[in-house]
N, C-alpha and C. Protein backbone atom coordinates (compact mmCIF):
# COMPACT_ATOMS: atom_id res chain seq x y z
N MET A 1 11.07 -3.81 -64.50
CA MET A 1 11.41 -2.56 -65.68
C MET A 1 11.56 -1.36 -64.71
N GLN A 2 12.48 -0.59 -65.19
CA GLN A 2 12.99 0.29 -64.26
C GLN A 2 12.45 1.78 -65.27
N PHE A 3 12.23 2.83 -64.34
CA PHE A 3 11.89 4.20 -64.72
C PHE A 3 12.66 5.14 -64.28
N SER A 4 12.53 6.38 -64.91
CA SER A 4 13.43 7.34 -64.86
C SER A 4 12.93 8.50 -63.73
N VAL A 5 13.74 8.80 -62.94
CA VAL A 5 13.19 10.00 -61.89
C VAL A 5 13.62 11.19 -62.46
N LYS A 6 12.66 11.87 -62.40
CA LYS A 6 12.69 13.43 -63.04
C LYS A 6 13.74 14.08 -62.18
N TYR A 7 13.81 14.24 -61.17
CA TYR A 7 14.37 15.13 -59.88
C TYR A 7 15.16 13.43 -58.68
N ASN A 8 16.40 13.36 -59.27
CA ASN A 8 16.97 12.08 -58.35
C ASN A 8 17.57 13.14 -57.28
N ARG A 9 17.92 14.63 -57.24
CA ARG A 9 18.33 14.90 -56.11
C ARG A 9 17.82 16.45 -56.13
N ILE A 10 16.97 16.76 -54.95
CA ILE A 10 16.44 17.98 -54.61
C ILE A 10 17.35 18.43 -53.76
N ASN A 11 17.59 20.04 -53.33
CA ASN A 11 18.21 20.54 -52.08
C ASN A 11 17.16 21.61 -51.90
N ILE A 12 17.22 21.98 -50.50
CA ILE A 12 16.15 22.90 -50.06
C ILE A 12 17.61 23.55 -49.54
N ILE A 13 17.73 25.19 -49.61
CA ILE A 13 18.60 25.87 -48.85
C ILE A 13 18.15 27.17 -48.13
N GLY A 14 18.54 27.06 -46.88
CA GLY A 14 18.40 28.16 -46.33
C GLY A 14 19.04 29.14 -46.54
N LEU A 15 19.33 30.32 -46.80
CA LEU A 15 20.29 31.29 -46.77
C LEU A 15 20.07 32.78 -45.70
N GLY A 16 20.91 33.27 -45.19
CA GLY A 16 20.95 34.23 -44.23
C GLY A 16 21.83 34.51 -43.13
N ASN A 17 21.69 35.33 -42.26
CA ASN A 17 22.62 35.61 -40.81
C ASN A 17 21.60 35.84 -39.87
N LEU A 18 21.64 34.29 -39.10
CA LEU A 18 20.94 34.77 -37.90
C LEU A 18 21.15 35.77 -37.27
N LEU A 19 22.37 36.48 -37.11
CA LEU A 19 22.56 37.58 -35.97
C LEU A 19 21.97 39.05 -36.56
N HIS A 20 21.08 38.75 -37.58
CA HIS A 20 20.64 40.25 -37.91
C HIS A 20 19.09 40.00 -38.02
N GLY A 21 18.47 39.56 -37.27
CA GLY A 21 17.10 39.65 -37.46
C GLY A 21 16.40 39.17 -38.44
N ASP A 22 15.89 39.71 -39.17
CA ASP A 22 15.27 39.12 -40.30
C ASP A 22 16.11 38.61 -41.44
N GLU A 23 16.98 39.11 -41.42
CA GLU A 23 18.29 38.51 -42.30
C GLU A 23 18.10 37.11 -42.55
N GLY A 24 18.18 36.48 -41.10
CA GLY A 24 18.03 35.36 -40.89
C GLY A 24 16.82 34.06 -41.18
N PHE A 25 16.08 34.74 -41.90
CA PHE A 25 14.69 34.31 -42.19
C PHE A 25 15.04 32.78 -43.13
N GLY A 26 15.80 32.94 -44.01
CA GLY A 26 16.18 31.59 -44.82
C GLY A 26 16.14 30.38 -44.09
N VAL A 27 17.30 30.72 -43.00
CA VAL A 27 17.78 29.47 -42.29
C VAL A 27 16.79 29.34 -41.11
N THR A 28 15.95 30.36 -40.64
CA THR A 28 14.96 29.74 -39.93
C THR A 28 14.13 28.92 -40.56
N ALA A 29 13.72 29.49 -41.60
CA ALA A 29 12.66 28.63 -42.44
C ALA A 29 13.05 27.33 -42.82
N LEU A 30 14.48 27.42 -43.13
CA LEU A 30 14.97 25.69 -43.18
C LEU A 30 14.72 24.76 -42.16
N ASN A 31 15.06 25.33 -40.94
CA ASN A 31 15.06 24.52 -40.01
C ASN A 31 13.84 23.90 -39.34
N ALA A 32 12.73 25.09 -39.65
CA ALA A 32 11.43 24.99 -39.17
C ALA A 32 10.61 23.79 -40.36
N PHE A 33 11.09 23.82 -41.68
CA PHE A 33 10.40 23.09 -42.61
C PHE A 33 11.37 21.77 -42.26
N ARG A 34 12.46 21.77 -42.14
CA ARG A 34 12.88 20.49 -41.78
C ARG A 34 12.04 19.55 -40.72
N GLY A 35 11.92 20.52 -39.74
CA GLY A 35 11.40 19.72 -38.12
C GLY A 35 10.29 19.24 -38.58
N ALA A 36 9.21 20.03 -39.74
CA ALA A 36 8.15 19.38 -39.85
C ALA A 36 8.17 18.76 -41.35
N SER A 37 8.63 18.14 -41.74
CA SER A 37 8.76 17.37 -42.93
C SER A 37 9.30 16.09 -42.93
N SER A 38 8.93 15.58 -43.59
CA SER A 38 9.68 13.72 -43.74
C SER A 38 9.38 13.57 -45.09
N PHE A 39 10.74 13.78 -45.78
CA PHE A 39 10.66 13.64 -47.24
C PHE A 39 11.95 12.57 -47.19
N PRO A 40 11.64 11.85 -48.72
CA PRO A 40 12.74 10.85 -49.11
C PRO A 40 14.03 11.43 -49.32
N GLU A 41 14.92 10.48 -48.82
CA GLU A 41 16.59 10.50 -48.90
C GLU A 41 17.09 11.15 -49.91
N ARG A 42 16.55 11.60 -51.21
CA ARG A 42 16.74 12.33 -52.59
C ARG A 42 16.66 14.07 -52.11
N VAL A 43 15.94 14.16 -51.07
CA VAL A 43 15.74 15.72 -50.55
C VAL A 43 17.01 15.90 -49.80
N ASN A 44 17.77 16.68 -50.13
CA ASN A 44 18.64 17.06 -48.87
C ASN A 44 18.61 18.90 -48.49
N TRP A 45 18.77 18.92 -47.64
CA TRP A 45 18.64 20.08 -46.17
C TRP A 45 20.05 20.53 -46.56
N ILE A 46 20.21 21.84 -46.44
CA ILE A 46 21.58 22.85 -46.36
C ILE A 46 21.36 24.01 -45.89
N ASP A 47 21.95 24.23 -44.92
CA ASP A 47 22.06 25.41 -43.88
C ASP A 47 23.01 26.52 -44.76
N GLY A 48 22.69 27.43 -45.36
CA GLY A 48 23.71 27.89 -46.22
C GLY A 48 24.30 28.80 -45.54
N GLY A 49 23.62 29.68 -44.60
CA GLY A 49 23.87 30.98 -43.79
C GLY A 49 24.30 31.84 -44.90
N THR A 50 25.56 32.38 -44.72
CA THR A 50 26.15 33.60 -45.69
C THR A 50 27.31 32.90 -46.24
N GLN A 51 27.29 31.55 -46.63
CA GLN A 51 28.86 30.88 -47.36
C GLN A 51 28.86 31.37 -48.38
N GLY A 52 27.93 31.64 -49.29
CA GLY A 52 28.41 32.55 -50.51
C GLY A 52 28.65 31.47 -51.63
N ILE A 53 30.10 31.75 -52.13
CA ILE A 53 30.49 31.11 -53.44
C ILE A 53 30.70 29.51 -52.69
N TYR A 54 30.94 29.20 -51.70
CA TYR A 54 31.02 27.93 -51.11
C TYR A 54 29.52 27.04 -51.37
N LEU A 55 28.32 27.85 -51.69
CA LEU A 55 27.27 27.03 -52.15
C LEU A 55 27.04 26.76 -53.51
N LEU A 56 27.68 27.09 -54.54
CA LEU A 56 27.78 26.85 -55.92
C LEU A 56 27.55 25.17 -55.90
N ASP A 57 28.27 24.23 -55.47
CA ASP A 57 28.20 22.98 -55.89
C ASP A 57 26.74 22.33 -55.24
N TYR A 58 26.00 23.10 -54.16
CA TYR A 58 24.89 22.65 -53.89
C TYR A 58 23.72 23.13 -54.62
N ILE A 59 23.90 24.38 -55.81
CA ILE A 59 23.64 24.64 -56.87
C ILE A 59 23.60 23.60 -58.19
N GLU A 60 24.32 23.54 -58.28
CA GLU A 60 24.89 22.83 -59.58
C GLU A 60 24.59 21.15 -59.68
N SER A 61 24.72 20.40 -58.68
CA SER A 61 24.72 19.37 -58.20
C SER A 61 23.39 18.46 -57.93
N CYS A 62 22.31 19.61 -57.86
CA CYS A 62 20.98 18.71 -58.03
C CYS A 62 19.95 19.18 -59.32
N ASP A 63 19.01 18.52 -59.29
CA ASP A 63 18.03 18.63 -60.60
C ASP A 63 17.01 19.74 -60.07
N ALA A 64 16.71 19.77 -59.01
CA ALA A 64 15.81 21.07 -58.46
C ALA A 64 16.34 21.51 -57.31
N VAL A 65 16.17 22.90 -56.88
CA VAL A 65 16.84 23.79 -55.80
C VAL A 65 15.53 24.69 -55.56
N LEU A 66 15.24 24.42 -54.08
CA LEU A 66 14.26 25.45 -53.18
C LEU A 66 15.16 26.37 -52.39
N VAL A 67 15.25 27.43 -52.40
CA VAL A 67 16.17 28.55 -51.85
C VAL A 67 14.83 29.52 -50.98
N PHE A 68 15.40 29.30 -49.70
CA PHE A 68 14.53 30.24 -48.66
C PHE A 68 15.31 31.33 -48.32
N ASP A 69 15.25 32.59 -48.55
CA ASP A 69 15.65 33.75 -48.08
C ASP A 69 15.01 35.21 -48.20
N ALA A 70 16.03 35.77 -46.97
CA ALA A 70 15.00 37.28 -47.01
C ALA A 70 15.40 38.16 -48.22
N LEU A 71 14.50 38.81 -48.83
CA LEU A 71 14.75 39.48 -49.79
C LEU A 71 14.11 40.99 -50.19
N ILE A 72 14.30 41.23 -51.21
CA ILE A 72 13.91 42.82 -51.32
C ILE A 72 13.31 43.11 -52.76
N PRO A 73 12.23 43.11 -53.23
CA PRO A 73 11.96 43.04 -54.54
C PRO A 73 12.14 44.83 -54.67
N VAL A 74 11.68 45.01 -56.10
CA VAL A 74 12.06 46.55 -56.41
C VAL A 74 10.69 47.00 -55.56
N GLU A 75 9.50 46.80 -56.22
CA GLU A 75 8.30 47.19 -55.48
C GLU A 75 8.04 45.92 -54.39
N TYR A 76 7.60 46.36 -53.38
CA TYR A 76 6.94 44.90 -52.52
C TYR A 76 6.06 45.62 -51.37
N ASP A 77 4.91 44.75 -51.05
CA ASP A 77 3.88 44.80 -49.78
C ASP A 77 4.86 43.67 -49.19
N ARG A 78 4.40 43.81 -47.86
CA ARG A 78 4.92 42.71 -46.70
C ARG A 78 4.06 41.45 -47.17
N GLY A 79 4.76 40.39 -47.61
CA GLY A 79 3.95 39.29 -47.61
C GLY A 79 5.46 37.92 -48.47
N VAL A 80 4.68 36.95 -49.02
CA VAL A 80 5.75 35.98 -49.11
C VAL A 80 5.57 36.02 -50.68
N TYR A 81 7.06 35.93 -51.06
CA TYR A 81 7.26 36.20 -52.74
C TYR A 81 7.63 34.52 -53.11
N VAL A 82 7.25 33.88 -54.24
CA VAL A 82 7.75 32.92 -54.95
C VAL A 82 8.40 33.34 -56.20
N TYR A 83 9.54 32.81 -56.21
CA TYR A 83 9.91 33.40 -58.20
C TYR A 83 10.66 31.88 -58.52
N ARG A 84 10.26 31.51 -59.43
CA ARG A 84 10.40 30.20 -60.47
C ARG A 84 11.58 30.44 -61.54
N ASN A 85 12.41 29.86 -61.59
CA ASN A 85 13.26 29.85 -62.89
C ASN A 85 13.52 31.29 -63.86
N GLU A 86 12.55 31.81 -64.65
CA GLU A 86 12.69 32.78 -65.63
C GLU A 86 12.53 33.85 -64.32
N GLU A 87 11.59 33.70 -63.79
CA GLU A 87 11.10 34.78 -62.68
C GLU A 87 12.04 35.41 -61.69
N LEU A 88 13.05 34.62 -61.55
CA LEU A 88 13.87 35.18 -60.38
C LEU A 88 14.75 36.46 -61.05
N PRO A 89 14.32 37.25 -60.12
CA PRO A 89 15.08 39.05 -60.49
C PRO A 89 16.51 38.71 -60.57
N ALA A 90 16.81 39.70 -61.03
CA ALA A 90 18.56 39.91 -61.56
C ALA A 90 19.12 39.69 -59.93
N PHE A 91 19.00 40.85 -59.23
CA PHE A 91 19.41 41.32 -58.24
C PHE A 91 18.26 41.54 -57.20
N ILE A 92 17.77 40.46 -56.21
CA ILE A 92 16.86 40.79 -54.98
C ILE A 92 17.57 40.58 -53.54
N HIS A 93 18.76 40.08 -53.88
CA HIS A 93 19.16 39.70 -52.59
C HIS A 93 20.27 40.75 -51.87
N ARG A 94 19.55 41.37 -50.76
CA ARG A 94 20.37 42.27 -50.14
C ARG A 94 21.44 42.25 -49.45
N LYS A 95 22.57 42.12 -49.66
CA LYS A 95 24.16 42.04 -49.48
C LYS A 95 24.19 42.55 -47.70
N MET A 96 24.85 41.96 -46.85
CA MET A 96 25.07 42.41 -45.78
C MET A 96 26.33 42.94 -45.65
N SER A 97 27.36 42.51 -46.53
CA SER A 97 28.63 42.99 -46.90
C SER A 97 28.97 42.81 -48.18
N SER A 98 29.68 43.90 -48.46
CA SER A 98 30.13 44.17 -50.11
C SER A 98 31.17 42.72 -50.83
N HIS A 99 31.49 41.89 -49.76
CA HIS A 99 32.48 40.51 -49.78
C HIS A 99 31.50 39.67 -49.83
N GLN A 100 30.05 39.41 -49.66
CA GLN A 100 29.25 38.57 -49.70
C GLN A 100 28.84 38.25 -50.84
N MET A 101 28.95 36.77 -51.45
CA MET A 101 27.99 36.45 -52.49
C MET A 101 26.59 36.28 -52.81
N GLY A 102 25.79 36.71 -53.14
CA GLY A 102 24.14 36.72 -53.37
C GLY A 102 23.73 35.68 -54.13
N PHE A 103 22.50 35.28 -54.00
CA PHE A 103 22.13 34.24 -54.68
C PHE A 103 22.00 34.48 -56.22
N SER A 104 21.92 35.59 -56.54
CA SER A 104 21.73 36.04 -57.50
C SER A 104 23.18 35.99 -58.83
N GLU A 105 24.30 36.26 -57.95
CA GLU A 105 25.86 36.00 -58.60
C GLU A 105 25.81 34.47 -58.55
N LEU A 106 25.34 33.08 -57.59
CA LEU A 106 25.73 31.80 -57.74
C LEU A 106 25.02 31.50 -58.59
N LEU A 107 23.82 31.81 -59.28
CA LEU A 107 22.95 31.51 -60.23
C LEU A 107 23.55 31.93 -61.70
N GLY A 108 24.32 32.98 -61.86
CA GLY A 108 24.73 33.53 -62.84
C GLY A 108 26.17 32.76 -63.25
N LEU A 109 26.71 32.06 -62.04
CA LEU A 109 28.07 31.24 -62.26
C LEU A 109 27.80 29.88 -62.88
N ALA A 110 26.43 29.51 -62.44
CA ALA A 110 26.24 27.99 -62.46
C ALA A 110 25.55 28.18 -63.83
N GLN A 111 25.16 29.43 -64.56
CA GLN A 111 24.64 29.57 -65.79
C GLN A 111 25.86 29.31 -66.82
N LEU A 112 26.90 30.15 -66.24
CA LEU A 112 28.11 30.24 -67.20
C LEU A 112 28.65 29.14 -67.19
N ARG A 113 28.85 27.98 -66.08
CA ARG A 113 29.26 26.98 -66.30
C ARG A 113 28.53 25.61 -67.03
N GLY A 114 27.51 26.21 -67.22
CA GLY A 114 26.31 25.26 -67.88
C GLY A 114 25.81 23.92 -67.14
N LYS A 115 25.81 24.55 -65.62
CA LYS A 115 25.38 23.48 -65.06
C LYS A 115 24.16 24.10 -64.21
N MET A 116 23.21 24.15 -64.68
CA MET A 116 21.88 24.88 -63.65
C MET A 116 21.01 24.08 -63.86
N PRO A 117 20.27 23.93 -62.52
CA PRO A 117 19.34 22.86 -62.02
C PRO A 117 17.92 22.75 -63.06
N LYS A 118 17.13 21.87 -63.39
CA LYS A 118 16.01 21.98 -64.16
C LYS A 118 14.94 22.89 -63.87
N GLU A 119 15.11 23.18 -62.29
CA GLU A 119 13.90 23.73 -61.44
C GLU A 119 14.81 24.81 -60.49
N ILE A 120 14.38 25.71 -60.04
CA ILE A 120 14.66 26.92 -59.28
C ILE A 120 13.85 27.47 -58.61
N VAL A 121 13.76 27.42 -57.63
CA VAL A 121 12.41 28.30 -56.75
C VAL A 121 13.18 28.89 -55.74
N LEU A 122 12.61 30.29 -55.42
CA LEU A 122 13.17 31.04 -54.26
C LEU A 122 12.02 31.67 -53.55
N ILE A 123 12.14 31.48 -52.57
CA ILE A 123 10.70 31.63 -51.82
C ILE A 123 11.45 32.78 -50.84
N GLY A 124 11.14 33.87 -50.58
CA GLY A 124 11.67 34.97 -49.61
C GLY A 124 10.27 36.09 -49.06
N ILE A 125 10.53 36.77 -48.00
CA ILE A 125 9.96 37.63 -47.39
C ILE A 125 10.88 38.72 -47.30
N PRO A 126 10.49 40.21 -47.49
CA PRO A 126 11.14 41.38 -47.13
C PRO A 126 10.98 41.63 -45.63
N PRO A 127 12.41 41.51 -45.29
CA PRO A 127 12.49 41.86 -43.76
C PRO A 127 12.12 43.02 -43.62
N ARG A 128 11.98 43.08 -42.24
CA ARG A 128 11.45 44.36 -41.53
C ARG A 128 12.31 44.98 -40.68
N GLU A 129 13.36 43.86 -39.89
CA GLU A 129 14.36 44.50 -39.16
C GLU A 129 15.64 43.67 -39.32
N LEU A 130 16.98 44.55 -39.36
CA LEU A 130 17.94 44.12 -39.80
C LEU A 130 19.06 44.45 -38.85
N GLU A 131 18.77 44.94 -37.90
CA GLU A 131 19.54 45.08 -36.89
C GLU A 131 20.48 43.76 -36.03
N LEU A 132 21.46 44.02 -35.55
CA LEU A 132 21.60 42.98 -34.59
C LEU A 132 21.03 42.59 -33.93
N ASN A 133 20.34 41.02 -33.74
CA ASN A 133 19.41 40.83 -33.38
C ASN A 133 19.33 39.26 -33.56
N ILE A 134 18.86 38.23 -32.69
CA ILE A 134 18.46 37.16 -33.01
C ILE A 134 17.23 37.01 -33.10
N GLY A 135 16.55 36.44 -33.82
CA GLY A 135 14.89 36.27 -34.16
C GLY A 135 14.32 37.11 -34.89
N LEU A 136 13.29 36.86 -35.48
CA LEU A 136 12.65 37.18 -36.59
C LEU A 136 11.53 38.10 -35.74
N SER A 137 11.27 39.34 -36.38
CA SER A 137 10.16 40.24 -36.24
C SER A 137 9.19 39.60 -36.17
N PRO A 138 7.84 39.96 -35.58
CA PRO A 138 6.86 39.48 -35.13
C PRO A 138 5.92 39.50 -36.50
N GLU A 139 6.43 40.53 -37.62
CA GLU A 139 5.87 40.91 -38.93
C GLU A 139 6.07 39.69 -39.78
N VAL A 140 7.45 39.35 -39.80
CA VAL A 140 8.32 38.05 -40.46
C VAL A 140 7.76 36.82 -40.00
N SER A 141 7.66 36.51 -38.74
CA SER A 141 7.10 35.34 -38.24
C SER A 141 5.73 34.86 -38.73
N LEU A 142 4.89 36.05 -38.69
CA LEU A 142 3.49 35.64 -39.13
C LEU A 142 3.62 35.24 -40.50
N LEU A 143 4.33 35.21 -41.05
CA LEU A 143 4.31 34.90 -42.86
C LEU A 143 5.30 33.50 -42.97
N MET A 144 5.54 32.97 -41.71
CA MET A 144 6.34 31.78 -41.76
C MET A 144 5.47 30.87 -42.21
N PRO A 145 4.23 30.43 -41.35
CA PRO A 145 3.37 29.36 -42.18
C PRO A 145 2.93 29.37 -43.44
N GLU A 146 2.92 30.75 -44.04
CA GLU A 146 2.70 30.50 -45.59
C GLU A 146 3.52 30.12 -46.46
N ALA A 147 5.09 30.70 -45.83
CA ALA A 147 6.06 30.51 -46.75
C ALA A 147 6.55 28.80 -46.63
N LEU A 148 6.18 28.18 -45.58
CA LEU A 148 6.34 26.70 -45.39
C LEU A 148 5.63 26.22 -46.37
N GLU A 149 4.25 26.63 -46.21
CA GLU A 149 3.17 25.80 -46.91
C GLU A 149 3.52 25.87 -48.28
N LYS A 150 3.73 26.86 -48.95
CA LYS A 150 3.98 27.03 -50.08
C LYS A 150 5.53 26.05 -50.64
N GLY A 151 6.38 26.07 -49.70
CA GLY A 151 7.22 25.52 -49.88
C GLY A 151 7.20 23.69 -50.09
N ARG A 152 6.15 23.36 -49.18
CA ARG A 152 5.75 21.81 -48.87
C ARG A 152 5.12 21.62 -50.28
N ALA A 153 4.28 22.76 -50.69
CA ALA A 153 3.38 22.07 -52.18
C ALA A 153 4.81 22.14 -53.11
N ILE A 154 5.58 22.62 -53.01
CA ILE A 154 6.52 22.98 -54.29
C ILE A 154 7.26 21.69 -54.44
N ILE A 155 7.89 20.98 -53.32
CA ILE A 155 8.39 19.67 -53.20
C ILE A 155 7.62 18.60 -53.05
N ASP A 156 6.20 18.84 -52.78
CA ASP A 156 5.37 17.42 -52.83
C ASP A 156 5.35 17.41 -54.55
N GLY A 157 5.49 18.57 -55.21
CA GLY A 157 4.89 18.56 -56.83
C GLY A 157 6.39 17.75 -57.67
N TRP A 158 7.34 18.27 -57.02
CA TRP A 158 8.25 17.85 -57.61
C TRP A 158 8.59 16.12 -57.25
N LEU A 159 8.13 15.89 -56.09
CA LEU A 159 8.49 14.29 -56.10
C LEU A 159 7.25 13.62 -56.66
N ALA A 160 6.09 14.25 -56.63
CA ALA A 160 4.90 13.50 -57.51
C ALA A 160 5.23 13.31 -58.95
N GLU A 161 6.34 14.58 -59.38
CA GLU A 161 6.46 14.10 -61.08
C GLU A 161 7.73 13.54 -61.25
N GLY A 162 8.28 12.85 -60.31
CA GLY A 162 9.59 11.99 -60.30
C GLY A 162 9.56 10.98 -59.73
């Protein structure tokens, strides 16, 4: 007897620029999460950096996507933010360059093309320091364990469903 897996392919993407302090949160979180996890082969790890449009296939080709990224909500306190599907604000990604495509634009393209994943979750922390600097600020570093714990709970839930 064969059963259907709800989420055949799960992508975990880390976004950001490691050379601009807390803007590197997403990639740093991805690497920390990957080092502390052992998920089945259907879970894929993508260091998205600042690749912009080149990440579209990683969004369109999966059933569920979890993204770590530095973000600045309209009104915020310093903390870990989790947005799911319709909760995703339209423009939350602070761009480092006018030529860089943000996560919200990628979702818009995927939606226009009719290739949205069943589940999309964004986990983010507002950056404290964005200057040219490698490494996260102490304030953002202190929030990393909570962000990783939330990510693990989401992936575990997706794996349990499928």
